[in-house]
Amino acid sequence: TYSKIIEGLIRHRYLVKNKWGGLVATALGRKVYEQLVSRFKELVSEETTRELEERMALIEMGKLDYQAVLRVLATHLDEMLRGVEKVEVPPK
């Protein structure tokens, strides 16, 4: 859910709450986003998000098979990640 995503972003220090309760990206959050956009623009695009949300709605209505959608997504991710170096992140 949206709230779980926000909680995770705050926990990983990508976002912080300002004194009015709004959310602000940290320097780390901006850097991570810039890297994602530069390397995986298609993955983090609004268009991809919109398409995935549409597919999830069709799955909820029983008009799409979730396993078929997951297979297509896994294949697509494999193609996008082919040749990408694994980066080890040191513990906090």
C-alpha atoms as a PDB file:
ATOM      1  CA  THR A   1       0.000   0.000   0.000  1.00  0.00           C
ATOM      2  CA  TYR A   2       0.965   3.637  -0.348  1.00  0.00           C
ATOM      3  CA  SER A   3       1.537   4.075   3.395  1.00  0.00           C
ATOM      4  CA  LYS A   4       3.894   1.063   3.516  1.00  0.00           C
ATOM      5  CA  ILE A   5       5.892   2.501   0.606  1.00  0.00           C
ATOM      6  CA  ILE A   6       6.198   5.867   2.382  1.00  0.00           C
ATOM      7  CA  GLU A   7       7.211   4.148   5.633  1.00  0.00           C
ATOM      8  CA  GLY A   8       9.950   2.272   3.769  1.00  0.00           C
ATOM      9  CA  LEU A   9      11.227   5.424   2.078  1.00  0.00           C
ATOM     10  CA  ILE A  10      11.442   7.166   5.459  1.00  0.00           C
ATOM     11  CA  ARG A  11      13.067   4.132   7.115  1.00  0.00           C
ATOM     12  CA  HIS A  12      15.748   4.024   4.409  1.00  0.00           C
ATOM     13  CA  ARG A  13      16.271   7.783   4.802  1.00  0.00           C
ATOM     14  CA  TYR A  14      15.166   8.673   1.271  1.00  0.00           C
ATOM     15  CA  LEU A  15      12.442  10.950   2.675  1.00  0.00           C
ATOM     16  CA  VAL A  16      11.979  12.960   5.854  1.00  0.00           C
ATOM     17  CA  LYS A  17       8.962  14.728   7.280  1.00  0.00           C
ATOM     18  CA  ASN A  18       9.264  18.496   7.552  1.00  0.00           C
ATOM     19  CA  LYS A  19       7.914  20.485  10.516  1.00  0.00           C
ATOM     20  CA  TRP A  20       4.498  20.798   8.809  1.00  0.00           C
ATOM     21  CA  GLY A  21       4.219  17.035   8.252  1.00  0.00           C
ATOM     22  CA  GLY A  22       5.041  17.156   4.544  1.00  0.00           C
ATOM     23  CA  LEU A  23       7.545  14.831   2.924  1.00  0.00           C
ATOM     24  CA  VAL A  24      10.880  16.045   1.559  1.00  0.00           C
ATOM     25  CA  ALA A  25      13.450  14.036  -0.349  1.00  0.00           C
ATOM     26  CA  THR A  26      16.835  13.781   1.353  1.00  0.00           C
ATOM     27  CA  ALA A  27      20.121  14.165  -0.519  1.00  0.00           C
ATOM     28  CA  LEU A  28      20.358  10.353  -0.508  1.00  0.00           C
ATOM     29  CA  GLY A  29      16.807  10.038  -1.847  1.00  0.00           C
ATOM     30  CA  ARG A  30      17.533  12.475  -4.689  1.00  0.00           C
ATOM     31  CA  LYS A  31      20.766  10.662  -5.549  1.00  0.00           C
ATOM     32  CA  VAL A  32      19.067   7.253  -5.620  1.00  0.00           C
ATOM     33  CA  TYR A  33      16.256   8.632  -7.790  1.00  0.00           C
ATOM     34  CA  GLU A  34      18.735  10.220 -10.204  1.00  0.00           C
ATOM     35  CA  GLN A  35      20.575   6.898 -10.528  1.00  0.00           C
ATOM     36  CA  LEU A  36      17.347   4.988 -11.114  1.00  0.00           C
ATOM     37  CA  VAL A  37      16.220   7.435 -13.785  1.00  0.00           C
ATOM     38  CA  SER A  38      19.601   7.437 -15.505  1.00  0.00           C
ATOM     39  CA  ARG A  39      19.880   3.623 -15.568  1.00  0.00           C
ATOM     40  CA  PHE A  40      16.278   2.400 -15.559  1.00  0.00           C
ATOM     41  CA  LYS A  41      14.173   5.255 -16.910  1.00  0.00           C
ATOM     42  CA  GLU A  42      11.535   2.917 -18.301  1.00  0.00           C
ATOM     43  CA  LEU A  43      11.186   1.122 -14.971  1.00  0.00           C
ATOM     44  CA  VAL A  44      10.535   4.273 -12.918  1.00  0.00           C
ATOM     45  CA  SER A  45       8.423   6.158 -15.465  1.00  0.00           C
ATOM     46  CA  GLU A  46       4.897   7.377 -14.802  1.00  0.00           C
ATOM     47  CA  GLU A  47       3.777   5.476 -17.906  1.00  0.00           C
ATOM     48  CA  THR A  48       5.076   2.169 -16.510  1.00  0.00           C
ATOM     49  CA  THR A  49       3.383   2.868 -13.178  1.00  0.00           C
ATOM     50  CA  ARG A  50       0.087   3.697 -14.922  1.00  0.00           C
ATOM     51  CA  GLU A  51       0.221   0.506 -17.013  1.00  0.00           C
ATOM     52  CA  LEU A  52       0.988  -1.638 -13.979  1.00  0.00           C
ATOM     53  CA  GLU A  53      -1.877  -0.078 -12.010  1.00  0.00           C
ATOM     54  CA  GLU A  54      -4.233  -0.802 -14.929  1.00  0.00           C
ATOM     55  CA  ARG A  55      -3.090  -4.428 -15.026  1.00  0.00           C
ATOM     56  CA  MET A  56      -3.583  -4.772 -11.263  1.00  0.00           C
ATOM     57  CA  ALA A  57      -7.130  -3.417 -11.606  1.00  0.00           C
ATOM     58  CA  LEU A  58      -7.846  -5.964 -14.362  1.00  0.00           C
ATOM     59  CA  ILE A  59      -6.447  -8.730 -12.152  1.00  0.00           C
ATOM     60  CA  GLU A  60      -8.760  -7.633  -9.317  1.00  0.00           C
ATOM     61  CA  MET A  61     -11.731  -7.797 -11.717  1.00  0.00           C
ATOM     62  CA  GLY A  62     -10.697 -11.282 -12.821  1.00  0.00           C
ATOM     63  CA  LYS A  63      -9.971 -10.133 -16.388  1.00  0.00           C
ATOM     64  CA  LEU A  64      -6.237 -10.868 -16.296  1.00  0.00           C
ATOM     65  CA  ASP A  65      -4.283 -13.791 -14.891  1.00  0.00           C
ATOM     66  CA  TYR A  66      -1.844 -12.525 -12.275  1.00  0.00           C
ATOM     67  CA  GLN A  67       0.658 -15.292 -13.027  1.00  0.00           C
ATOM     68  CA  ALA A  68       0.793 -14.322 -16.699  1.00  0.00           C
ATOM     69  CA  VAL A  69       1.358 -10.682 -15.736  1.00  0.00           C
ATOM     70  CA  LEU A  70       4.135 -11.690 -13.324  1.00  0.00           C
ATOM     71  CA  ARG A  71       5.823 -13.827 -16.002  1.00  0.00           C
ATOM     72  CA  VAL A  72       5.848 -10.897 -18.435  1.00  0.00           C
ATOM     73  CA  LEU A  73       7.171  -8.546 -15.740  1.00  0.00           C
ATOM     74  CA  ALA A  74       9.905 -10.992 -14.709  1.00  0.00           C
ATOM     75  CA  THR A  75      11.031 -11.408 -18.312  1.00  0.00           C
ATOM     76  CA  HIS A  76      11.052  -7.661 -18.825  1.00  0.00           C
ATOM     77  CA  LEU A  77      13.040  -7.067 -15.621  1.00  0.00           C
ATOM     78  CA  ASP A  78      15.547  -9.764 -16.574  1.00  0.00           C
ATOM     79  CA  GLU A  79      16.101  -8.037 -19.910  1.00  0.00           C
ATOM     80  CA  MET A  80      16.507  -4.624 -18.276  1.00  0.00           C
ATOM     81  CA  LEU A  81      18.930  -5.897 -15.639  1.00  0.00           C
ATOM     82  CA  ARG A  82      21.067  -7.988 -17.985  1.00  0.00           C
ATOM     83  CA  GLY A  83      24.611  -6.672 -17.796  1.00  0.00           C
ATOM     84  CA  VAL A  84      24.025  -4.488 -14.734  1.00  0.00           C
ATOM     85  CA  GLU A  85      26.689  -4.881 -12.079  1.00  0.00           C
ATOM     86  CA  LYS A  86      25.611  -5.923  -8.623  1.00  0.00           C
ATOM     87  CA  VAL A  87      26.425  -3.230  -6.083  1.00  0.00           C
ATOM     88  CA  GLU A  88      27.055  -4.189  -2.494  1.00  0.00           C
ATOM     89  CA  VAL A  89      25.644  -1.678  -0.036  1.00  0.00           C
ATOM     90  CA  PRO A  90      27.427  -1.558   3.311  1.00  0.00           C
ATOM     91  CA  PRO A  91      25.225  -1.940   6.405  1.00  0.00           C
ATOM     92  CA  LYS A  92      24.104   1.244   8.104  1.00  0.00           C
END
